[in-house]
Amino acid sequence: MEVMVTEQFAASGESVWQLLRDFGGILRWNTNGIESVSVEGEGIGAVRTIGIPGGIQLQEKLEAHDDPARSFSYSFTGKPVIPFEDYYATMTVVDEGDSECRVDWKSTFEHPSMEEGAARELIEGIYHAGFAALKQTVEG
């Protein structure tokens, strides 16, 4: 299945990209349910471990990073926290004017143990919460 959530920001694409491009710097813009972040490795193949309440650790692997296109992609790795298979997500920042941009957050995945509606709702909820935190950071 594929899920895409898009959000508009009253901030330049470059300023938003400077926050998003740092794979290990997620706490600079999103503290929404995130207690800690650590990164092993550098560049493509780096793995970030995100600590969330309850002692749960979500691991994500950087699969692609394109500064000129303001885009990066990641997959889930390690012990599954969310019951999805072949999860692959991409965040892309698109200029919409001098001080406006949008961010597209798209993913594809299989959800063998969840109904499609529940899987879509789960991912969209995560993306909307992340966007709310990013909006608060860049727009105040």
N, C-alpha and C. Protein backbone atom coordinates (compact mmCIF):
# COMPACT_ATOMS: atom_id res chain seq x y z
N MET A 1 0.84 -1.18 0.00
CA MET A 1 0.00 0.00 0.00
C MET A 1 0.88 1.23 0.00
N GLU A 2 0.33 2.35 -0.41
CA GLU A 2 1.06 3.62 -0.43
C GLU A 2 0.28 4.66 0.36
N VAL A 3 1.01 5.45 1.14
CA VAL A 3 0.41 6.55 1.90
C VAL A 3 1.23 7.80 1.61
N MET A 4 0.55 8.92 1.38
CA MET A 4 1.26 10.20 1.21
C MET A 4 0.50 11.28 1.96
N VAL A 5 1.25 12.04 2.75
CA VAL A 5 0.70 13.18 3.47
C VAL A 5 1.54 14.39 3.07
N THR A 6 0.88 15.49 2.78
CA THR A 6 1.55 16.72 2.36
C THR A 6 1.15 17.84 3.31
N GLU A 7 2.12 18.70 3.65
CA GLU A 7 1.84 19.82 4.54
C GLU A 7 2.52 21.08 3.99
N GLN A 8 1.83 22.19 4.06
CA GLN A 8 2.37 23.50 3.65
C GLN A 8 3.03 24.16 4.87
N PHE A 9 4.11 24.88 4.61
CA PHE A 9 4.82 25.60 5.67
C PHE A 9 5.10 27.03 5.25
N ALA A 10 4.91 27.95 6.19
CA ALA A 10 5.24 29.36 5.96
C ALA A 10 6.70 29.56 6.34
N ALA A 11 7.57 28.93 5.57
CA ALA A 11 9.02 29.00 5.79
C ALA A 11 9.68 28.60 4.47
N SER A 12 10.90 29.05 4.29
CA SER A 12 11.59 28.71 3.05
C SER A 12 11.91 27.22 3.00
N GLY A 13 11.93 26.70 1.80
CA GLY A 13 12.29 25.30 1.62
C GLY A 13 13.67 25.01 2.17
N GLU A 14 14.58 25.94 2.00
CA GLU A 14 15.95 25.73 2.49
C GLU A 14 15.99 25.62 4.01
N SER A 15 15.23 26.47 4.71
CA SER A 15 15.25 26.41 6.18
C SER A 15 14.63 25.11 6.69
N VAL A 16 13.59 24.65 6.04
CA VAL A 16 12.97 23.38 6.44
C VAL A 16 13.91 22.23 6.11
N TRP A 17 14.54 22.28 4.95
CA TRP A 17 15.47 21.22 4.57
C TRP A 17 16.65 21.14 5.54
N GLN A 18 17.14 22.26 6.02
CA GLN A 18 18.25 22.24 6.96
C GLN A 18 17.91 21.46 8.22
N LEU A 19 16.66 21.45 8.60
CA LEU A 19 16.23 20.64 9.76
C LEU A 19 16.08 19.17 9.37
N LEU A 20 15.42 18.91 8.26
CA LEU A 20 15.11 17.54 7.89
C LEU A 20 16.31 16.75 7.39
N ARG A 21 17.26 17.42 6.77
CA ARG A 21 18.38 16.72 6.12
C ARG A 21 19.28 15.99 7.10
N ASP A 22 19.29 16.42 8.36
CA ASP A 22 20.13 15.79 9.39
C ASP A 22 19.40 14.57 9.93
N PHE A 23 19.73 13.40 9.42
CA PHE A 23 19.04 12.16 9.76
C PHE A 23 19.03 11.90 11.27
N GLY A 24 20.10 12.25 11.94
CA GLY A 24 20.18 12.04 13.38
C GLY A 24 19.64 13.20 14.20
N GLY A 25 19.26 14.29 13.54
CA GLY A 25 18.83 15.50 14.24
C GLY A 25 17.33 15.65 14.39
N ILE A 26 16.60 14.56 14.39
CA ILE A 26 15.14 14.63 14.43
C ILE A 26 14.63 15.35 15.68
N LEU A 27 15.38 15.27 16.79
CA LEU A 27 14.93 15.95 18.01
C LEU A 27 15.01 17.48 17.89
N ARG A 28 15.69 17.99 16.88
CA ARG A 28 15.75 19.44 16.65
C ARG A 28 14.38 19.97 16.21
N TRP A 29 13.55 19.08 15.65
CA TRP A 29 12.25 19.54 15.17
C TRP A 29 11.08 18.69 15.64
N ASN A 30 11.34 17.53 16.20
CA ASN A 30 10.23 16.66 16.59
C ASN A 30 10.50 16.00 17.94
N THR A 31 9.86 16.49 18.98
CA THR A 31 9.95 15.86 20.29
C THR A 31 8.63 15.18 20.63
N ASN A 32 7.77 15.08 19.64
CA ASN A 32 6.44 14.50 19.78
C ASN A 32 6.53 12.99 20.00
N GLY A 33 6.59 12.55 21.25
CA GLY A 33 6.67 11.13 21.54
C GLY A 33 8.03 10.51 21.34
N ILE A 34 9.05 11.35 21.16
CA ILE A 34 10.42 10.85 20.99
C ILE A 34 11.23 11.22 22.22
N GLU A 35 11.82 10.22 22.85
CA GLU A 35 12.61 10.46 24.06
C GLU A 35 14.11 10.56 23.78
N SER A 36 14.58 9.84 22.76
CA SER A 36 16.02 9.86 22.45
C SER A 36 16.24 9.45 21.01
N VAL A 37 17.42 9.83 20.51
CA VAL A 37 17.84 9.44 19.16
C VAL A 37 19.34 9.21 19.18
N SER A 38 19.76 8.12 18.59
CA SER A 38 21.19 7.87 18.39
C SER A 38 21.36 7.36 16.97
N VAL A 39 22.56 7.57 16.42
CA VAL A 39 22.83 7.15 15.05
C VAL A 39 24.13 6.36 15.01
N GLU A 40 24.09 5.25 14.31
CA GLU A 40 25.29 4.46 14.05
C GLU A 40 25.60 4.57 12.58
N GLY A 41 26.84 4.96 12.27
CA GLY A 41 27.26 5.10 10.89
C GLY A 41 27.01 6.50 10.37
N GLU A 42 27.44 6.71 9.13
CA GLU A 42 27.27 8.01 8.47
C GLU A 42 26.77 7.81 7.06
N GLY A 43 26.01 8.77 6.56
CA GLY A 43 25.54 8.72 5.18
C GLY A 43 24.61 7.56 4.93
N ILE A 44 24.52 7.17 3.65
CA ILE A 44 23.64 6.07 3.26
C ILE A 44 24.03 4.83 4.07
N GLY A 45 23.05 4.18 4.63
CA GLY A 45 23.30 3.00 5.45
C GLY A 45 23.32 3.28 6.94
N ALA A 46 23.37 4.57 7.32
CA ALA A 46 23.34 4.92 8.74
C ALA A 46 22.02 4.45 9.34
N VAL A 47 22.06 4.04 10.61
CA VAL A 47 20.86 3.58 11.30
C VAL A 47 20.61 4.47 12.50
N ARG A 48 19.41 5.07 12.55
CA ARG A 48 19.04 5.85 13.73
C ARG A 48 18.10 5.02 14.58
N THR A 49 18.33 5.10 15.87
CA THR A 49 17.49 4.41 16.84
C THR A 49 16.72 5.47 17.59
N ILE A 50 15.41 5.42 17.49
CA ILE A 50 14.53 6.39 18.12
C ILE A 50 13.89 5.74 19.33
N GLY A 51 14.15 6.32 20.51
CA GLY A 51 13.53 5.84 21.73
C GLY A 51 12.18 6.50 21.93
N ILE A 52 11.15 5.67 22.11
CA ILE A 52 9.81 6.20 22.33
C ILE A 52 9.30 5.69 23.68
N PRO A 53 8.28 6.32 24.25
CA PRO A 53 7.81 5.92 25.58
C PRO A 53 7.56 4.41 25.70
N GLY A 54 7.83 3.91 26.89
CA GLY A 54 7.64 2.49 27.16
C GLY A 54 8.90 1.68 26.91
N GLY A 55 10.03 2.36 26.69
CA GLY A 55 11.28 1.66 26.44
C GLY A 55 11.38 1.05 25.06
N ILE A 56 10.50 1.46 24.16
CA ILE A 56 10.49 0.91 22.80
C ILE A 56 11.51 1.64 21.94
N GLN A 57 12.20 0.89 21.10
CA GLN A 57 13.18 1.49 20.19
C GLN A 57 12.83 1.14 18.75
N LEU A 58 12.67 2.17 17.95
CA LEU A 58 12.37 2.04 16.53
C LEU A 58 13.66 2.32 15.77
N GLN A 59 14.04 1.43 14.86
CA GLN A 59 15.26 1.65 14.08
C GLN A 59 14.90 1.92 12.62
N GLU A 60 15.55 2.96 12.08
CA GLU A 60 15.34 3.36 10.69
C GLU A 60 16.69 3.47 10.01
N LYS A 61 16.77 2.98 8.78
CA LYS A 61 18.01 2.98 8.01
C LYS A 61 17.91 4.01 6.88
N LEU A 62 18.91 4.87 6.77
CA LEU A 62 18.94 5.87 5.69
C LEU A 62 19.25 5.15 4.38
N GLU A 63 18.31 5.22 3.46
CA GLU A 63 18.45 4.51 2.18
C GLU A 63 18.90 5.41 1.04
N ALA A 64 18.53 6.69 1.09
CA ALA A 64 18.89 7.64 0.04
C ALA A 64 18.91 9.03 0.65
N HIS A 65 19.77 9.90 0.09
CA HIS A 65 19.87 11.29 0.57
C HIS A 65 20.31 12.14 -0.60
N ASP A 66 19.49 13.13 -0.98
CA ASP A 66 19.75 13.95 -2.15
C ASP A 66 19.58 15.43 -1.77
N ASP A 67 20.70 16.09 -1.45
CA ASP A 67 20.64 17.50 -1.05
C ASP A 67 20.03 18.39 -2.14
N PRO A 68 20.47 18.30 -3.41
CA PRO A 68 19.88 19.18 -4.42
C PRO A 68 18.37 19.00 -4.58
N ALA A 69 17.89 17.79 -4.44
CA ALA A 69 16.45 17.53 -4.57
C ALA A 69 15.73 17.70 -3.24
N ARG A 70 16.49 17.98 -2.17
CA ARG A 70 15.94 18.13 -0.82
C ARG A 70 15.05 16.94 -0.46
N SER A 71 15.63 15.77 -0.51
CA SER A 71 14.89 14.55 -0.29
C SER A 71 15.76 13.50 0.38
N PHE A 72 15.13 12.71 1.25
CA PHE A 72 15.81 11.54 1.79
C PHE A 72 14.80 10.42 1.98
N SER A 73 15.31 9.20 1.98
CA SER A 73 14.46 8.02 2.14
C SER A 73 15.03 7.12 3.22
N TYR A 74 14.13 6.42 3.90
CA TYR A 74 14.56 5.51 4.96
C TYR A 74 13.63 4.30 5.00
N SER A 75 14.12 3.24 5.63
CA SER A 75 13.33 2.03 5.81
C SER A 75 13.39 1.63 7.28
N PHE A 76 12.47 0.76 7.67
CA PHE A 76 12.54 0.19 9.02
C PHE A 76 13.56 -0.93 9.01
N THR A 77 14.29 -1.05 10.10
CA THR A 77 15.25 -2.13 10.25
C THR A 77 15.22 -2.59 11.70
N GLY A 78 15.93 -3.64 12.01
CA GLY A 78 15.95 -4.12 13.39
C GLY A 78 14.64 -4.80 13.77
N LYS A 79 14.42 -4.92 15.08
CA LYS A 79 13.22 -5.57 15.60
C LYS A 79 11.98 -4.75 15.23
N PRO A 80 10.98 -5.38 14.61
CA PRO A 80 9.79 -4.64 14.19
C PRO A 80 9.02 -4.05 15.38
N VAL A 81 8.69 -2.77 15.28
CA VAL A 81 7.89 -2.08 16.29
C VAL A 81 6.48 -1.88 15.74
N ILE A 82 6.39 -1.54 14.48
CA ILE A 82 5.12 -1.38 13.79
C ILE A 82 4.97 -2.61 12.88
N PRO A 83 3.83 -3.25 12.86
CA PRO A 83 3.69 -4.52 12.13
C PRO A 83 3.60 -4.38 10.61
N PHE A 84 4.64 -3.78 10.01
CA PHE A 84 4.68 -3.59 8.57
C PHE A 84 5.91 -4.30 8.01
N GLU A 85 5.82 -4.67 6.76
CA GLU A 85 6.94 -5.25 6.05
C GLU A 85 7.28 -4.36 4.87
N ASP A 86 8.55 -4.35 4.51
CA ASP A 86 9.03 -3.61 3.34
C ASP A 86 8.66 -2.12 3.40
N TYR A 87 8.72 -1.55 4.60
CA TYR A 87 8.40 -0.12 4.78
C TYR A 87 9.53 0.71 4.17
N TYR A 88 9.16 1.64 3.31
CA TYR A 88 10.12 2.54 2.66
C TYR A 88 9.46 3.90 2.57
N ALA A 89 10.07 4.91 3.20
CA ALA A 89 9.47 6.25 3.24
C ALA A 89 10.42 7.28 2.65
N THR A 90 9.83 8.33 2.10
CA THR A 90 10.60 9.43 1.53
C THR A 90 9.99 10.75 1.98
N MET A 91 10.85 11.66 2.42
CA MET A 91 10.43 13.03 2.73
C MET A 91 11.10 13.95 1.72
N THR A 92 10.30 14.84 1.11
CA THR A 92 10.81 15.76 0.10
C THR A 92 10.29 17.16 0.39
N VAL A 93 11.19 18.14 0.33
CA VAL A 93 10.83 19.54 0.54
C VAL A 93 10.74 20.21 -0.83
N VAL A 94 9.61 20.88 -1.10
CA VAL A 94 9.36 21.52 -2.39
C VAL A 94 9.09 23.00 -2.17
N ASP A 95 9.85 23.87 -2.85
CA ASP A 95 9.61 25.32 -2.76
C ASP A 95 8.24 25.66 -3.33
N GLU A 96 7.56 26.59 -2.65
CA GLU A 96 6.25 27.05 -3.12
C GLU A 96 6.23 28.58 -3.14
N GLY A 97 7.39 29.21 -3.16
CA GLY A 97 7.52 30.65 -3.13
C GLY A 97 8.75 31.01 -2.31
N ASP A 98 8.99 32.31 -2.15
CA ASP A 98 10.18 32.75 -1.43
C ASP A 98 10.23 32.28 0.01
N SER A 99 9.12 32.34 0.68
CA SER A 99 9.11 31.94 2.09
C SER A 99 7.99 30.94 2.37
N GLU A 100 7.75 30.08 1.41
CA GLU A 100 6.76 29.03 1.58
C GLU A 100 7.28 27.75 0.93
N CYS A 101 6.89 26.64 1.53
CA CYS A 101 7.25 25.36 0.94
C CYS A 101 6.21 24.33 1.36
N ARG A 102 6.34 23.16 0.78
CA ARG A 102 5.53 22.04 1.23
C ARG A 102 6.48 20.87 1.43
N VAL A 103 6.06 19.97 2.29
CA VAL A 103 6.80 18.75 2.50
C VAL A 103 5.88 17.59 2.18
N ASP A 104 6.37 16.69 1.34
CA ASP A 104 5.66 15.47 1.00
C ASP A 104 6.32 14.33 1.77
N TRP A 105 5.53 13.56 2.49
CA TRP A 105 6.01 12.40 3.25
C TRP A 105 5.24 11.21 2.72
N LYS A 106 5.94 10.35 2.03
CA LYS A 106 5.31 9.24 1.33
C LYS A 106 5.94 7.93 1.77
N SER A 107 5.13 6.88 1.85
CA SER A 107 5.69 5.57 2.16
C SER A 107 4.93 4.47 1.43
N THR A 108 5.63 3.38 1.25
CA THR A 108 5.03 2.16 0.74
C THR A 108 5.37 1.06 1.74
N PHE A 109 4.45 0.12 1.91
CA PHE A 109 4.68 -0.97 2.85
C PHE A 109 3.60 -2.03 2.69
N GLU A 110 3.88 -3.19 3.24
CA GLU A 110 2.90 -4.26 3.34
C GLU A 110 2.42 -4.33 4.79
N HIS A 111 1.18 -4.72 4.99
CA HIS A 111 0.59 -4.73 6.34
C HIS A 111 -0.16 -6.05 6.56
N PRO A 112 0.56 -7.17 6.59
CA PRO A 112 -0.12 -8.47 6.64
C PRO A 112 -0.96 -8.73 7.88
N SER A 113 -0.66 -8.07 8.99
CA SER A 113 -1.42 -8.36 10.21
C SER A 113 -2.39 -7.24 10.60
N MET A 114 -2.60 -6.28 9.70
CA MET A 114 -3.52 -5.17 9.97
C MET A 114 -4.45 -4.97 8.79
N GLU A 115 -5.65 -4.51 9.07
CA GLU A 115 -6.55 -4.11 8.00
C GLU A 115 -5.99 -2.85 7.34
N GLU A 116 -6.28 -2.68 6.06
CA GLU A 116 -5.73 -1.54 5.31
C GLU A 116 -6.09 -0.20 5.94
N GLY A 117 -7.34 -0.03 6.35
CA GLY A 117 -7.77 1.24 6.94
C GLY A 117 -7.01 1.55 8.22
N ALA A 118 -6.80 0.55 9.06
CA ALA A 118 -6.06 0.74 10.31
C ALA A 118 -4.60 1.06 10.04
N ALA A 119 -4.00 0.40 9.05
CA ALA A 119 -2.60 0.66 8.70
C ALA A 119 -2.45 2.09 8.17
N ARG A 120 -3.36 2.49 7.30
CA ARG A 120 -3.31 3.85 6.74
C ARG A 120 -3.48 4.88 7.87
N GLU A 121 -4.43 4.66 8.75
CA GLU A 121 -4.69 5.58 9.86
C GLU A 121 -3.47 5.71 10.77
N LEU A 122 -2.80 4.59 11.05
CA LEU A 122 -1.61 4.61 11.90
C LEU A 122 -0.51 5.46 11.29
N ILE A 123 -0.17 5.22 10.03
CA ILE A 123 0.91 5.97 9.38
C ILE A 123 0.53 7.44 9.20
N GLU A 124 -0.68 7.71 8.75
CA GLU A 124 -1.09 9.11 8.59
C GLU A 124 -1.05 9.84 9.92
N GLY A 125 -1.42 9.18 11.01
CA GLY A 125 -1.35 9.81 12.33
C GLY A 125 0.08 10.15 12.72
N ILE A 126 1.01 9.25 12.45
CA ILE A 126 2.43 9.50 12.73
C ILE A 126 2.92 10.69 11.91
N TYR A 127 2.58 10.71 10.63
CA TYR A 127 3.04 11.80 9.76
C TYR A 127 2.43 13.14 10.17
N HIS A 128 1.14 13.16 10.48
CA HIS A 128 0.50 14.41 10.90
C HIS A 128 1.11 14.93 12.21
N ALA A 129 1.41 14.04 13.14
CA ALA A 129 2.04 14.45 14.40
C ALA A 129 3.44 15.01 14.13
N GLY A 130 4.18 14.37 13.24
CA GLY A 130 5.50 14.88 12.88
C GLY A 130 5.42 16.24 12.22
N PHE A 131 4.46 16.40 11.32
CA PHE A 131 4.29 17.69 10.65
C PHE A 131 3.87 18.78 11.63
N ALA A 132 3.04 18.46 12.60
CA ALA A 132 2.64 19.45 13.61
C ALA A 132 3.85 19.93 14.39
N ALA A 133 4.73 19.00 14.75
CA ALA A 133 5.95 19.37 15.47
C ALA A 133 6.87 20.21 14.58
N LEU A 134 7.02 19.83 13.32
CA LEU A 134 7.86 20.59 12.39
C LEU A 134 7.29 21.99 12.19
N LYS A 135 5.98 22.10 12.05
CA LYS A 135 5.33 23.40 11.87
C LYS A 135 5.58 24.30 13.08
N GLN A 136 5.47 23.74 14.26
CA GLN A 136 5.73 24.50 15.48
C GLN A 136 7.18 25.00 15.50
N THR A 137 8.09 24.18 15.06
CA THR A 137 9.50 24.54 15.06
C THR A 137 9.81 25.65 14.06
N VAL A 138 9.29 25.52 12.82
CA VAL A 138 9.66 26.48 11.77
C VAL A 138 8.77 27.71 11.72
N GLU A 139 7.55 27.61 12.23
CA GLU A 139 6.65 28.75 12.18
C GLU A 139 6.42 29.39 13.54
N GLY A 140 6.78 28.68 14.62
CA GLY A 140 6.64 29.22 15.96
C GLY A 140 5.33 29.10 16.52
